[in-house]
Amino acid sequence: VQLQASGGGLVQAGGSLRLTCSGSGDTFSRYTIGWFRQAPGKEREFVGGIKWTDGGPSYADSVKGRFAISRDNPKNIVYLQMNNLRPEDTAVYYCAANRAFWIGIVASQYGYWGQGTQVTVSS
């Protein structure tokens, strides 16, 4: 499966952005999708994910209550809605995919990656 993340940009603190992960090349609905982010000088960290089985999302504590993940399988899209953004959310955001029945929180658990999209939150 090929993935493409988009929707990043510059936003003020407290603002919102919606990122899109578009899939192609395989049955996108049969992939668990994870969102990760990487800030300069830091390791790539798990943001959240959504399973392909029952669609239930999971989130990192740092974004819980502010971010929401949903998927539109007929359109081969997974969304990351980010609300109440903070400067510390600034990073390159990536979507990734695997065929697992659970949501991995480690980058190495995902075999397919899209290119990143930059999110910058100004204070």
N, C-alpha and C. Protein backbone atom coordinates (compact mmCIF):
# COMPACT_ATOMS: atom_id res chain seq x y z
N VAL A 1 0.84 -1.18 0.00
CA VAL A 1 0.00 0.00 0.00
C VAL A 1 0.89 1.24 0.00
N GLN A 2 0.46 2.25 -0.74
CA GLN A 2 1.16 3.53 -0.75
C GLN A 2 0.35 4.54 0.05
N LEU A 3 1.05 5.35 0.82
CA LEU A 3 0.40 6.32 1.69
C LEU A 3 0.88 7.72 1.36
N GLN A 4 0.01 8.68 1.54
CA GLN A 4 0.37 10.07 1.36
C GLN A 4 -0.32 10.90 2.42
N ALA A 5 0.45 11.59 3.21
CA ALA A 5 -0.08 12.48 4.25
C ALA A 5 -0.10 13.90 3.73
N SER A 6 -1.14 14.62 4.08
CA SER A 6 -1.26 16.01 3.65
C SER A 6 -2.08 16.78 4.68
N GLY A 7 -2.11 18.10 4.51
CA GLY A 7 -2.94 18.93 5.36
C GLY A 7 -2.20 19.74 6.40
N GLY A 8 -0.89 19.60 6.45
CA GLY A 8 -0.12 20.36 7.42
C GLY A 8 -0.09 21.84 7.09
N GLY A 9 0.43 22.61 8.02
CA GLY A 9 0.52 24.04 7.81
C GLY A 9 0.92 24.77 9.06
N LEU A 10 0.78 26.07 9.01
CA LEU A 10 1.11 26.94 10.14
C LEU A 10 -0.19 27.40 10.79
N VAL A 11 -0.27 27.24 12.10
CA VAL A 11 -1.47 27.62 12.83
C VAL A 11 -1.07 28.21 14.17
N GLN A 12 -1.90 29.09 14.68
CA GLN A 12 -1.64 29.66 15.99
C GLN A 12 -2.06 28.69 17.08
N ALA A 13 -1.46 28.84 18.23
CA ALA A 13 -1.84 28.01 19.37
C ALA A 13 -3.33 28.15 19.63
N GLY A 14 -3.95 27.02 19.91
CA GLY A 14 -5.39 26.98 20.11
C GLY A 14 -6.18 26.70 18.85
N GLY A 15 -5.50 26.73 17.73
CA GLY A 15 -6.16 26.49 16.45
C GLY A 15 -6.30 25.01 16.13
N SER A 16 -6.80 24.74 14.93
CA SER A 16 -7.07 23.37 14.51
C SER A 16 -6.51 23.12 13.11
N LEU A 17 -6.19 21.88 12.87
CA LEU A 17 -5.81 21.40 11.55
C LEU A 17 -6.36 20.00 11.37
N ARG A 18 -6.63 19.62 10.14
CA ARG A 18 -7.01 18.24 9.86
C ARG A 18 -6.03 17.67 8.84
N LEU A 19 -5.35 16.64 9.26
CA LEU A 19 -4.44 15.94 8.37
C LEU A 19 -5.17 14.78 7.70
N THR A 20 -4.74 14.48 6.50
CA THR A 20 -5.34 13.39 5.72
C THR A 20 -4.26 12.40 5.33
N CYS A 21 -4.56 11.14 5.50
CA CYS A 21 -3.68 10.07 5.02
C CYS A 21 -4.45 9.33 3.94
N SER A 22 -3.97 9.43 2.73
CA SER A 22 -4.61 8.78 1.59
C SER A 22 -3.85 7.52 1.22
N GLY A 23 -4.59 6.45 0.97
CA GLY A 23 -3.98 5.18 0.62
C GLY A 23 -4.32 4.74 -0.79
N SER A 24 -3.41 3.99 -1.38
CA SER A 24 -3.66 3.44 -2.71
C SER A 24 -2.83 2.18 -2.89
N GLY A 25 -3.20 1.39 -3.86
CA GLY A 25 -2.40 0.23 -4.23
C GLY A 25 -2.80 -1.07 -3.59
N ASP A 26 -3.63 -1.06 -2.59
CA ASP A 26 -4.06 -2.28 -1.94
C ASP A 26 -5.37 -1.98 -1.24
N THR A 27 -5.93 -2.99 -0.60
CA THR A 27 -7.20 -2.80 0.12
C THR A 27 -6.93 -2.00 1.38
N PHE A 28 -7.08 -0.71 1.27
CA PHE A 28 -6.73 0.20 2.35
C PHE A 28 -7.50 -0.12 3.63
N SER A 29 -8.73 -0.57 3.47
CA SER A 29 -9.58 -0.83 4.63
C SER A 29 -9.06 -1.98 5.49
N ARG A 30 -8.13 -2.77 4.98
CA ARG A 30 -7.59 -3.90 5.74
C ARG A 30 -6.26 -3.56 6.43
N TYR A 31 -5.95 -2.28 6.55
CA TYR A 31 -4.73 -1.85 7.20
C TYR A 31 -5.05 -1.04 8.46
N THR A 32 -4.32 -1.34 9.49
CA THR A 32 -4.31 -0.48 10.67
C THR A 32 -3.41 0.71 10.36
N ILE A 33 -3.88 1.90 10.68
CA ILE A 33 -3.15 3.13 10.37
C ILE A 33 -2.70 3.79 11.67
N GLY A 34 -1.43 4.15 11.69
CA GLY A 34 -0.88 4.88 12.82
C GLY A 34 -0.42 6.26 12.38
N TRP A 35 -0.56 7.21 13.28
CA TRP A 35 -0.01 8.55 13.06
C TRP A 35 1.16 8.73 14.02
N PHE A 36 2.24 9.24 13.49
CA PHE A 36 3.43 9.52 14.27
C PHE A 36 3.88 10.95 13.98
N ARG A 37 4.72 11.48 14.86
CA ARG A 37 5.28 12.79 14.60
C ARG A 37 6.73 12.81 15.06
N GLN A 38 7.48 13.69 14.43
CA GLN A 38 8.89 13.81 14.77
C GLN A 38 9.28 15.27 14.75
N ALA A 39 9.69 15.75 15.91
CA ALA A 39 10.18 17.12 16.05
C ALA A 39 11.69 17.11 15.86
N PRO A 40 12.27 18.25 15.50
CA PRO A 40 13.72 18.31 15.29
C PRO A 40 14.49 17.85 16.53
N GLY A 41 15.42 16.95 16.31
CA GLY A 41 16.25 16.47 17.40
C GLY A 41 15.59 15.45 18.31
N LYS A 42 14.38 15.04 17.96
CA LYS A 42 13.66 14.07 18.80
C LYS A 42 13.33 12.81 18.00
N GLU A 43 13.03 11.76 18.72
CA GLU A 43 12.65 10.52 18.07
C GLU A 43 11.20 10.62 17.57
N ARG A 44 10.92 9.77 16.62
CA ARG A 44 9.55 9.70 16.11
C ARG A 44 8.66 9.11 17.20
N GLU A 45 7.55 9.76 17.46
CA GLU A 45 6.67 9.32 18.54
C GLU A 45 5.27 9.05 18.03
N PHE A 46 4.65 8.11 18.70
CA PHE A 46 3.28 7.71 18.39
C PHE A 46 2.31 8.82 18.78
N VAL A 47 1.38 9.13 17.90
CA VAL A 47 0.33 10.10 18.18
C VAL A 47 -1.00 9.39 18.40
N GLY A 48 -1.33 8.49 17.52
CA GLY A 48 -2.58 7.75 17.62
C GLY A 48 -2.70 6.79 16.46
N GLY A 49 -3.72 5.95 16.53
CA GLY A 49 -3.92 4.99 15.46
C GLY A 49 -5.36 4.50 15.43
N ILE A 50 -5.69 3.84 14.35
CA ILE A 50 -7.03 3.30 14.20
C ILE A 50 -6.93 1.94 13.54
N LYS A 51 -7.62 0.96 14.11
CA LYS A 51 -7.57 -0.39 13.60
C LYS A 51 -8.43 -0.56 12.36
N TRP A 52 -8.12 -1.57 11.57
CA TRP A 52 -8.95 -1.84 10.40
C TRP A 52 -10.11 -2.76 10.75
N THR A 53 -10.03 -3.43 11.91
CA THR A 53 -11.06 -4.41 12.26
C THR A 53 -12.34 -3.73 12.70
N ASP A 54 -12.30 -3.06 13.84
CA ASP A 54 -13.52 -2.42 14.30
C ASP A 54 -13.41 -0.90 14.29
N GLY A 55 -12.27 -0.39 13.81
CA GLY A 55 -12.12 1.04 13.65
C GLY A 55 -11.87 1.81 14.93
N GLY A 56 -11.72 1.11 16.05
CA GLY A 56 -11.54 1.82 17.31
C GLY A 56 -10.19 2.51 17.38
N PRO A 57 -10.14 3.83 17.65
CA PRO A 57 -8.88 4.54 17.72
C PRO A 57 -8.23 4.47 19.10
N SER A 58 -6.95 4.78 19.11
CA SER A 58 -6.17 4.86 20.34
C SER A 58 -5.26 6.07 20.22
N TYR A 59 -4.95 6.72 21.36
CA TYR A 59 -4.19 7.96 21.34
C TYR A 59 -3.09 7.97 22.39
N ALA A 60 -2.05 8.73 22.09
CA ALA A 60 -1.05 9.00 23.09
C ALA A 60 -1.64 9.95 24.14
N ASP A 61 -1.16 9.85 25.35
CA ASP A 61 -1.69 10.69 26.43
C ASP A 61 -1.53 12.17 26.12
N SER A 62 -0.48 12.52 25.41
CA SER A 62 -0.20 13.92 25.14
C SER A 62 -1.23 14.59 24.22
N VAL A 63 -1.99 13.78 23.49
CA VAL A 63 -2.96 14.36 22.56
C VAL A 63 -4.39 13.94 22.88
N LYS A 64 -4.54 13.08 23.85
CA LYS A 64 -5.88 12.58 24.18
C LYS A 64 -6.80 13.73 24.56
N GLY A 65 -7.99 13.73 23.99
CA GLY A 65 -8.95 14.80 24.25
C GLY A 65 -8.82 15.98 23.32
N ARG A 66 -7.72 16.05 22.56
CA ARG A 66 -7.52 17.14 21.61
C ARG A 66 -7.50 16.65 20.17
N PHE A 67 -7.02 15.45 19.95
CA PHE A 67 -6.91 14.89 18.61
C PHE A 67 -7.94 13.78 18.44
N ALA A 68 -8.40 13.61 17.21
CA ALA A 68 -9.35 12.54 16.91
C ALA A 68 -9.02 11.93 15.56
N ILE A 69 -9.05 10.60 15.52
CA ILE A 69 -8.75 9.87 14.29
C ILE A 69 -10.02 9.18 13.81
N SER A 70 -10.26 9.28 12.53
CA SER A 70 -11.39 8.59 11.92
C SER A 70 -10.96 8.10 10.54
N ARG A 71 -11.73 7.19 10.00
CA ARG A 71 -11.39 6.68 8.67
C ARG A 71 -12.63 6.60 7.80
N ASP A 72 -12.41 6.82 6.52
CA ASP A 72 -13.44 6.71 5.50
C ASP A 72 -12.93 5.67 4.52
N ASN A 73 -13.27 4.42 4.75
CA ASN A 73 -12.72 3.35 3.93
C ASN A 73 -13.10 3.43 2.46
N PRO A 74 -14.34 3.77 2.12
CA PRO A 74 -14.66 3.88 0.68
C PRO A 74 -13.79 4.90 -0.04
N LYS A 75 -13.32 5.91 0.68
CA LYS A 75 -12.47 6.93 0.07
C LYS A 75 -10.99 6.65 0.29
N ASN A 76 -10.67 5.56 1.01
CA ASN A 76 -9.27 5.22 1.31
C ASN A 76 -8.56 6.36 2.04
N ILE A 77 -9.21 6.90 3.04
CA ILE A 77 -8.67 8.04 3.77
C ILE A 77 -8.78 7.80 5.27
N VAL A 78 -7.75 8.21 5.99
CA VAL A 78 -7.79 8.31 7.44
C VAL A 78 -7.49 9.76 7.80
N TYR A 79 -8.29 10.30 8.71
CA TYR A 79 -8.14 11.69 9.13
C TYR A 79 -7.52 11.77 10.52
N LEU A 80 -6.74 12.80 10.72
CA LEU A 80 -6.27 13.17 12.06
C LEU A 80 -6.72 14.60 12.31
N GLN A 81 -7.79 14.73 13.08
CA GLN A 81 -8.30 16.05 13.43
C GLN A 81 -7.57 16.53 14.67
N MET A 82 -6.92 17.66 14.57
CA MET A 82 -6.12 18.19 15.68
C MET A 82 -6.72 19.51 16.13
N ASN A 83 -7.18 19.54 17.37
CA ASN A 83 -7.80 20.73 17.95
C ASN A 83 -6.96 21.23 19.11
N ASN A 84 -7.17 22.49 19.46
CA ASN A 84 -6.47 23.08 20.59
C ASN A 84 -4.96 22.83 20.49
N LEU A 85 -4.41 23.13 19.35
CA LEU A 85 -3.00 22.86 19.11
C LEU A 85 -2.10 23.70 19.99
N ARG A 86 -0.98 23.10 20.35
CA ARG A 86 0.00 23.75 21.21
C ARG A 86 1.33 23.84 20.48
N PRO A 87 2.19 24.76 20.87
CA PRO A 87 3.52 24.85 20.23
C PRO A 87 4.28 23.53 20.28
N GLU A 88 4.09 22.77 21.34
CA GLU A 88 4.81 21.49 21.44
C GLU A 88 4.27 20.43 20.48
N ASP A 89 3.19 20.72 19.78
CA ASP A 89 2.70 19.80 18.75
C ASP A 89 3.44 20.01 17.43
N THR A 90 4.29 21.02 17.36
CA THR A 90 5.04 21.28 16.15
C THR A 90 5.95 20.10 15.81
N ALA A 91 5.80 19.59 14.60
CA ALA A 91 6.57 18.41 14.17
C ALA A 91 6.20 18.09 12.74
N VAL A 92 6.94 17.17 12.16
CA VAL A 92 6.54 16.54 10.91
C VAL A 92 5.67 15.35 11.28
N TYR A 93 4.50 15.29 10.70
CA TYR A 93 3.55 14.22 10.99
C TYR A 93 3.54 13.21 9.85
N TYR A 94 3.55 11.93 10.24
CA TYR A 94 3.58 10.83 9.29
C TYR A 94 2.41 9.88 9.55
N CYS A 95 1.90 9.30 8.49
CA CYS A 95 0.99 8.18 8.67
C CYS A 95 1.70 6.90 8.23
N ALA A 96 1.33 5.81 8.86
CA ALA A 96 1.96 4.53 8.61
C ALA A 96 0.91 3.44 8.65
N ALA A 97 1.21 2.30 8.06
CA ALA A 97 0.23 1.23 7.96
C ALA A 97 0.85 -0.12 8.24
N ASN A 98 0.04 -1.01 8.81
CA ASN A 98 0.40 -2.42 8.91
C ASN A 98 -0.86 -3.26 8.90
N ARG A 99 -0.69 -4.58 8.89
CA ARG A 99 -1.83 -5.48 8.81
C ARG A 99 -2.15 -6.09 10.17
N ALA A 100 -1.65 -5.48 11.23
CA ALA A 100 -1.87 -6.03 12.56
C ALA A 100 -3.31 -5.85 13.00
N PHE A 101 -3.71 -6.66 13.99
CA PHE A 101 -5.04 -6.56 14.58
C PHE A 101 -5.04 -5.64 15.79
N TRP A 102 -3.91 -5.01 16.04
CA TRP A 102 -3.81 -4.07 17.15
C TRP A 102 -3.11 -2.81 16.65
N ILE A 103 -3.11 -1.79 17.50
CA ILE A 103 -2.48 -0.53 17.13
C ILE A 103 -1.10 -0.48 17.76
N GLY A 104 -0.08 -0.59 16.95
CA GLY A 104 1.28 -0.50 17.47
C GLY A 104 1.63 0.93 17.82
N ILE A 105 2.46 1.09 18.83
CA ILE A 105 2.85 2.43 19.25
C ILE A 105 4.33 2.69 18.99
N VAL A 106 4.97 1.75 18.33
CA VAL A 106 6.39 1.88 18.00
C VAL A 106 6.52 1.93 16.48
N ALA A 107 7.34 2.84 16.00
CA ALA A 107 7.46 3.06 14.56
C ALA A 107 7.88 1.79 13.82
N SER A 108 8.73 0.99 14.43
CA SER A 108 9.24 -0.20 13.76
C SER A 108 8.16 -1.26 13.53
N GLN A 109 7.01 -1.10 14.14
CA GLN A 109 5.90 -2.03 13.95
C GLN A 109 5.13 -1.78 12.66
N TYR A 110 5.49 -0.73 11.97
CA TYR A 110 4.79 -0.36 10.74
C TYR A 110 5.72 -0.52 9.54
N GLY A 111 5.20 -1.16 8.51
CA GLY A 111 6.04 -1.42 7.34
C GLY A 111 5.84 -0.46 6.19
N TYR A 112 4.79 0.32 6.26
CA TYR A 112 4.49 1.23 5.17
C TYR A 112 4.36 2.64 5.73
N TRP A 113 5.00 3.58 5.04
CA TRP A 113 5.02 4.96 5.51
C TRP A 113 4.74 5.93 4.37
N GLY A 114 4.03 6.99 4.70
CA GLY A 114 3.88 8.08 3.77
C GLY A 114 4.95 9.12 4.03
N GLN A 115 5.06 10.07 3.12
CA GLN A 115 5.96 11.19 3.37
C GLN A 115 5.32 12.07 4.44
N GLY A 116 6.09 12.80 5.15
CA GLY A 116 5.55 13.60 6.23
C GLY A 116 4.94 14.90 5.77
N THR A 117 4.17 15.48 6.66
CA THR A 117 3.60 16.80 6.43
C THR A 117 3.90 17.66 7.65
N GLN A 118 4.39 18.87 7.41
CA GLN A 118 4.86 19.73 8.49
C GLN A 118 3.69 20.44 9.17
N VAL A 119 3.68 20.36 10.48
CA VAL A 119 2.72 21.12 11.29
C VAL A 119 3.53 22.05 12.18
N THR A 120 3.24 23.33 12.10
CA THR A 120 3.91 24.33 12.92
C THR A 120 2.87 25.12 13.69
N VAL A 121 3.02 25.13 15.01
CA VAL A 121 2.09 25.84 15.87
C VAL A 121 2.84 27.00 16.52
N SER A 122 2.38 28.18 16.25
CA SER A 122 3.04 29.36 16.80
C SER A 122 2.37 29.78 18.11
N SER A 123 3.16 30.34 18.99
CA SER A 123 2.63 30.74 20.31
C SER A 123 2.11 32.16 20.27
